[in-house]
Amino acid sequence: MELTQLNYFLTVVRLQHMTKASEALSITQPALSHAISKLEDELGVPLFERSGRTIQLNRYGKRFAESVTKALDELDSGKQIVQEWADPETGIISMSYLNILGAELVPKLIRSFSAKHPGISFDLKQGNHTVIVNQLDNGASDMAITSIKPHSDTYAWIPMLTAPLYVVVPSAHRFAGLKEIRFQQLEGEPFIEVKNSCGLNESLCACFGRVGFQPATTFEADDLMTVAGFVAAGLGISVLPQTNGLILDGLAWLPIADEGAICEVGLQTRRDRFLSPAAKRFIDDVHASFQ
């Protein structure tokens, strides 16, 4: 069963006349009759009652015509949607990003891009590093903004910014007045850590490993906002980037004297994934803005 046959069928249904239908379709009447007969053979039932040159649907034909009309309408709708998505000025960009980036970076990116391309819309998803990379891998997202540079050639990476890390302590802590601090000074302090699923965890492990520091972890949190909240409550200390959404009352932020105490943020895509013109336009915009 082919789309051409179904379109021929609906034309005959509409005109109720084989000659008129063949003329409307710009094909010969024998070719049209053959197409309809082939369709009826495939279905195993006749679709029309023939009376001279005029033909009318029988009960099988009426039921089939309803289904064909719905199916072709759905196909047309799907085609229109996909074409709109693929339009560089009216497409949809699906993007995942780390929870904490929703407070400042992502809104600024979208505001800047939307001012230049108001017809393009965004489908936004957020989560921890593991969640958003899974969304990228399974095709739920075109791209992901994360804080771990990928190690595999499967991915492309555009560095966007480098943020310094700080030791964050309760404002009443004995370290609160220090101008800077080293990781070794944190020995024995109750430490609030992020779980492995959080992108910052890998950066912290690298920082700690370089100086031989092993934190005395007392709590593990799923996200950075929870870490900041636990520290503000006096439950321990931690290491965080100083970004909007984490700056709470009751916290002191101490610069780190050890080298390499930073975290990176970048835009990650898959090299083997088709990207719509709108998505490519956004990536080009990010590249131009941060290079």
Protein backbone atom coordinates (compact mmCIF):
# COMPACT_ATOMS: atom_id res chain seq x y z
CA MET A 1 0.00 0.00 0.00
CA GLU A 2 1.52 3.29 -1.15
CA LEU A 3 0.71 6.94 -0.48
CA THR A 4 0.06 7.44 -4.18
CA GLN A 5 -2.63 4.77 -4.12
CA LEU A 6 -4.27 6.36 -1.09
CA ASN A 7 -4.29 9.80 -2.70
CA TYR A 8 -5.78 8.29 -5.87
CA PHE A 9 -8.42 6.59 -3.74
CA LEU A 10 -9.46 9.81 -1.98
CA THR A 11 -9.66 11.66 -5.29
CA VAL A 12 -12.05 9.03 -6.64
CA VAL A 13 -14.05 9.26 -3.41
CA ARG A 14 -14.32 13.03 -3.77
CA LEU A 15 -15.30 13.10 -7.48
CA GLN A 16 -17.25 9.79 -7.60
CA HIS A 17 -16.21 9.40 -11.24
CA MET A 18 -13.21 7.53 -12.64
CA THR A 19 -12.76 9.70 -15.75
CA LYS A 20 -12.99 12.98 -13.82
CA ALA A 21 -10.62 11.61 -11.17
CA SER A 22 -8.05 10.49 -13.75
CA GLU A 23 -8.18 13.93 -15.37
CA ALA A 24 -7.74 15.65 -12.00
CA LEU A 25 -4.76 13.40 -11.26
CA SER A 26 -3.27 13.78 -14.76
CA ILE A 27 -3.07 10.02 -15.29
CA THR A 28 -4.87 7.65 -17.67
CA GLN A 29 -8.13 6.07 -16.61
CA PRO A 30 -6.74 2.52 -17.00
CA ALA A 31 -3.82 3.42 -14.72
CA LEU A 32 -6.22 4.78 -12.12
CA SER A 33 -8.50 1.76 -12.37
CA HIS A 34 -5.50 -0.55 -11.95
CA ALA A 35 -4.36 1.35 -8.83
CA ILE A 36 -7.80 1.11 -7.25
CA SER A 37 -8.15 -2.58 -8.15
CA LYS A 38 -4.72 -3.29 -6.64
CA LEU A 39 -5.76 -1.49 -3.44
CA GLU A 40 -8.98 -3.52 -3.24
CA ASP A 41 -7.03 -6.76 -3.83
CA GLU A 42 -4.66 -5.88 -1.01
CA LEU A 43 -7.56 -5.15 1.35
CA GLY A 44 -9.50 -8.23 0.22
CA VAL A 45 -12.78 -6.34 -0.21
CA PRO A 46 -14.38 -4.06 -2.84
CA LEU A 47 -14.49 -0.39 -1.88
CA PHE A 48 -17.00 0.98 -4.39
CA GLU A 49 -20.45 0.25 -5.79
CA ARG A 50 -20.31 0.94 -9.52
CA SER A 51 -23.30 2.25 -11.46
CA GLY A 52 -22.31 3.09 -15.01
CA ARG A 53 -19.65 5.74 -14.94
CA THR A 54 -20.60 6.85 -11.46
CA ILE A 55 -19.16 5.05 -8.46
CA GLN A 56 -20.01 5.34 -4.77
CA LEU A 57 -18.39 4.04 -1.65
CA ASN A 58 -19.79 0.89 -0.09
CA ARG A 59 -19.64 0.33 3.68
CA TYR A 60 -16.06 -0.98 3.47
CA GLY A 61 -15.02 1.99 1.40
CA LYS A 62 -16.64 4.49 3.77
CA ARG A 63 -14.81 3.05 6.75
CA PHE A 64 -11.51 2.89 4.88
CA ALA A 65 -11.91 6.46 3.59
CA GLU A 66 -12.31 7.74 7.16
CA SER A 67 -9.08 6.06 8.24
CA VAL A 68 -7.14 7.15 5.15
CA THR A 69 -8.27 10.76 5.57
CA LYS A 70 -7.13 10.81 9.20
CA ALA A 71 -3.83 9.13 8.35
CA LEU A 72 -2.98 11.51 5.50
CA ASP A 73 -4.00 14.53 7.57
CA GLU A 74 -1.68 13.31 10.34
CA LEU A 75 1.15 12.82 7.85
CA ASP A 76 0.63 16.34 6.46
CA SER A 77 0.63 17.73 9.99
CA GLY A 78 3.81 15.85 10.84
CA LYS A 79 5.49 17.06 7.67
CA GLN A 80 4.55 20.65 8.47
CA ILE A 81 5.84 20.38 12.05
CA VAL A 82 9.17 18.87 10.97
CA GLN A 83 9.61 21.53 8.30
CA GLU A 84 8.92 24.24 10.88
CA TRP A 85 11.44 22.67 13.25
CA ALA A 86 14.01 22.55 10.45
CA ASP A 87 13.44 26.18 9.47
CA PRO A 88 16.45 28.21 10.66
CA GLU A 89 14.16 31.05 11.75
CA THR A 90 11.26 29.13 13.30
CA GLY A 91 12.81 25.91 14.60
CA ILE A 92 12.94 24.44 18.10
CA ILE A 93 16.21 23.97 19.99
CA SER A 94 16.21 21.22 22.60
CA MET A 95 18.82 21.94 25.27
CA SER A 96 19.72 20.37 28.62
CA TYR A 97 21.73 22.16 31.28
CA LEU A 98 22.96 21.83 34.84
CA ASN A 99 20.45 22.93 37.47
CA ILE A 100 22.65 25.71 38.83
CA LEU A 101 23.09 27.30 35.39
CA GLY A 102 19.40 28.17 35.26
CA ALA A 103 19.95 31.03 37.69
CA GLU A 104 22.07 33.19 35.38
CA LEU A 105 23.96 31.75 32.40
CA VAL A 106 21.16 30.00 30.52
CA PRO A 107 18.63 32.88 30.81
CA LYS A 108 21.27 35.32 29.50
CA LEU A 109 22.10 33.04 26.57
CA ILE A 110 18.46 32.63 25.59
CA ARG A 111 17.68 36.34 25.98
CA SER A 112 20.61 37.31 23.74
CA PHE A 113 19.83 34.69 21.10
CA SER A 114 16.08 35.31 21.09
CA ALA A 115 16.61 39.02 20.53
CA LYS A 116 18.29 38.16 17.21
CA HIS A 117 16.07 35.18 16.30
CA PRO A 118 12.62 35.73 17.85
CA GLY A 119 10.98 32.96 15.83
CA ILE A 120 13.13 30.20 17.31
CA SER A 121 11.87 28.56 20.50
CA PHE A 122 13.54 26.37 23.12
CA ASP A 123 12.66 23.05 24.71
CA LEU A 124 14.63 23.18 27.98
CA LYS A 125 15.55 20.35 30.34
CA GLN A 126 17.70 20.49 33.45
CA GLY A 127 19.31 18.08 35.88
CA ASN A 128 22.64 16.87 37.17
CA HIS A 129 25.54 15.95 34.89
CA THR A 130 24.52 12.31 34.48
CA VAL A 131 20.93 13.18 33.63
CA ILE A 132 21.70 15.81 31.01
CA VAL A 133 24.38 13.75 29.26
CA ASN A 134 21.91 10.84 29.11
CA GLN A 135 19.37 13.20 27.52
CA LEU A 136 21.98 14.19 24.94
CA ASP A 137 22.90 10.57 24.23
CA ASN A 138 19.32 9.30 23.84
CA GLY A 139 18.33 12.13 21.52
CA ALA A 140 16.06 13.97 23.93
CA SER A 141 18.32 17.03 23.61
CA ASP A 142 20.34 18.56 20.80
CA MET A 143 22.99 19.83 23.20
CA ALA A 144 23.94 20.05 26.88
CA ILE A 145 25.63 22.74 28.94
CA THR A 146 27.72 20.96 31.54
CA SER A 147 30.86 21.28 33.61
CA ILE A 148 32.88 18.22 32.57
CA LYS A 149 34.81 18.37 29.32
CA PRO A 150 34.08 15.07 27.53
CA HIS A 151 36.95 12.61 27.15
CA SER A 152 35.47 10.83 24.11
CA ASP A 153 35.78 11.91 20.47
CA THR A 154 32.07 11.15 20.17
CA TYR A 155 31.42 14.63 21.54
CA ALA A 156 32.24 18.18 20.52
CA TRP A 157 32.85 20.75 23.24
CA ILE A 158 32.82 24.53 23.18
CA PRO A 159 34.35 26.02 26.34
CA MET A 160 32.17 28.84 27.60
CA LEU A 161 33.61 30.01 30.90
CA THR A 162 36.01 29.09 33.68
CA ALA A 163 34.85 29.79 37.22
CA PRO A 164 37.10 29.90 40.29
CA LEU A 165 36.20 27.62 43.17
CA TYR A 166 35.92 28.85 46.75
CA VAL A 167 35.97 27.20 50.12
CA VAL A 168 32.58 28.06 51.59
CA VAL A 169 32.08 28.01 55.35
CA PRO A 170 29.41 29.21 57.79
CA SER A 171 29.87 32.92 58.53
CA ALA A 172 30.58 32.11 62.20
CA HIS A 173 33.29 29.55 61.35
CA ARG A 174 36.85 30.16 62.53
CA PHE A 175 38.01 30.28 58.88
CA ALA A 176 35.48 32.95 57.91
CA GLY A 177 37.87 35.89 58.23
CA LEU A 178 40.74 34.40 56.18
CA LYS A 179 41.77 36.17 52.96
CA GLU A 180 42.61 32.84 51.32
CA ILE A 181 42.93 29.18 52.24
CA ARG A 182 44.55 25.94 51.09
CA PHE A 183 42.87 22.54 50.87
CA GLN A 184 45.23 21.02 53.43
CA GLN A 185 43.86 23.46 56.02
CA LEU A 186 40.51 21.71 55.69
CA GLU A 187 41.79 18.42 57.17
CA GLY A 188 39.31 17.00 59.66
CA GLU A 189 36.60 19.59 58.91
CA PRO A 190 33.14 18.07 58.32
CA PHE A 191 32.71 18.30 54.56
CA ILE A 192 29.50 18.54 52.53
CA GLU A 193 30.13 16.77 49.23
CA VAL A 194 28.24 16.46 45.95
CA LYS A 195 27.47 13.00 44.59
CA ASN A 196 29.32 11.50 41.63
CA SER A 197 26.38 12.32 39.37
CA CYS A 198 27.13 16.04 39.79
CA GLY A 199 29.61 17.52 37.33
CA LEU A 200 31.52 19.41 40.03
CA ASN A 201 32.52 16.15 41.71
CA GLU A 202 35.09 15.31 39.02
CA SER A 203 36.67 18.78 39.23
CA LEU A 204 36.91 18.54 43.03
CA CYS A 205 38.47 15.08 42.91
CA ALA A 206 41.14 16.40 40.54
CA CYS A 207 41.83 19.43 42.77
CA PHE A 208 42.03 17.33 45.94
CA GLY A 209 44.19 14.68 44.27
CA ARG A 210 46.83 17.21 43.22
CA VAL A 211 47.49 18.22 46.85
CA GLY A 212 46.75 14.90 48.53
CA PHE A 213 43.70 16.17 50.40
CA GLN A 214 41.01 13.72 51.51
CA PRO A 215 37.81 15.45 52.73
CA ALA A 216 36.09 14.18 55.87
CA THR A 217 32.70 13.78 54.18
CA THR A 218 29.70 13.88 56.50
CA PHE A 219 26.90 14.50 54.00
CA GLU A 220 26.45 13.92 50.26
CA ALA A 221 24.03 16.08 48.28
CA ASP A 222 22.52 15.72 44.81
CA ASP A 223 23.01 19.35 43.81
CA LEU A 224 25.03 22.45 44.63
CA MET A 225 22.09 24.39 46.06
CA THR A 226 21.61 21.71 48.71
CA VAL A 227 25.32 21.83 49.53
CA ALA A 228 25.13 25.61 50.05
CA GLY A 229 22.07 25.21 52.26
CA PHE A 230 23.74 22.60 54.44
CA VAL A 231 26.81 24.80 54.89
CA ALA A 232 24.66 27.84 55.76
CA ALA A 233 22.95 25.70 58.39
CA GLY A 234 26.33 25.04 60.04
CA LEU A 235 26.50 21.35 59.12
CA GLY A 236 29.94 21.54 57.55
CA ILE A 237 32.07 23.26 54.91
CA SER A 238 32.42 22.69 51.16
CA VAL A 239 33.96 23.90 47.90
CA LEU A 240 31.70 25.65 45.39
CA PRO A 241 31.73 28.11 42.50
CA GLN A 242 30.39 31.51 43.53
CA THR A 243 27.33 31.77 41.31
CA ASN A 244 23.81 33.14 41.62
CA GLY A 245 21.60 30.67 43.42
CA LEU A 246 24.38 29.65 45.81
CA ILE A 247 25.05 32.98 47.51
CA LEU A 248 23.03 32.58 50.70
CA ASP A 249 22.93 34.47 53.98
CA GLY A 250 25.23 32.93 56.55
CA LEU A 251 28.01 31.92 54.15
CA ALA A 252 31.64 33.11 53.89
CA TRP A 253 33.49 32.59 50.60
CA LEU A 254 37.26 32.07 50.80
CA PRO A 255 39.56 32.24 47.74
CA ILE A 256 41.68 29.09 47.31
CA ALA A 257 45.46 29.51 47.18
CA ASP A 258 46.08 26.11 45.54
CA GLU A 259 46.52 26.20 41.76
CA GLY A 260 43.87 24.77 39.46
CA ALA A 261 40.91 25.32 41.78
CA ILE A 262 38.47 26.01 38.94
CA CYS A 263 35.52 24.45 37.17
CA GLU A 264 34.77 24.74 33.47
CA VAL A 265 31.43 25.15 31.77
CA GLY A 266 30.92 24.28 28.14
CA LEU A 267 28.44 23.37 25.43
CA GLN A 268 28.50 19.68 24.54
CA THR A 269 27.07 18.07 21.39
CA ARG A 270 27.39 14.70 19.68
CA ARG A 271 29.41 14.63 16.46
CA ASP A 272 27.21 11.85 15.04
CA ARG A 273 23.92 13.67 15.64
CA PHE A 274 21.93 15.61 13.06
CA LEU A 275 21.43 19.20 14.18
CA SER A 276 18.70 21.43 12.82
CA PRO A 277 19.64 24.76 11.22
CA ALA A 278 18.29 26.53 14.33
CA ALA A 279 20.49 24.41 16.62
CA LYS A 280 23.53 25.05 14.44
CA ARG A 281 22.78 28.76 14.52
CA PHE A 282 22.68 28.70 18.33
CA ILE A 283 25.97 26.79 18.52
CA ASP A 284 27.61 29.29 16.17
CA ASP A 285 26.30 32.09 18.37
CA VAL A 286 27.76 30.47 21.51
CA HIS A 287 31.08 29.90 19.76
CA ALA A 288 31.27 33.54 18.68
CA SER A 289 30.31 34.80 22.14
CA PHE A 290 32.83 32.80 24.16
CA GLN A 291 35.86 32.48 21.89
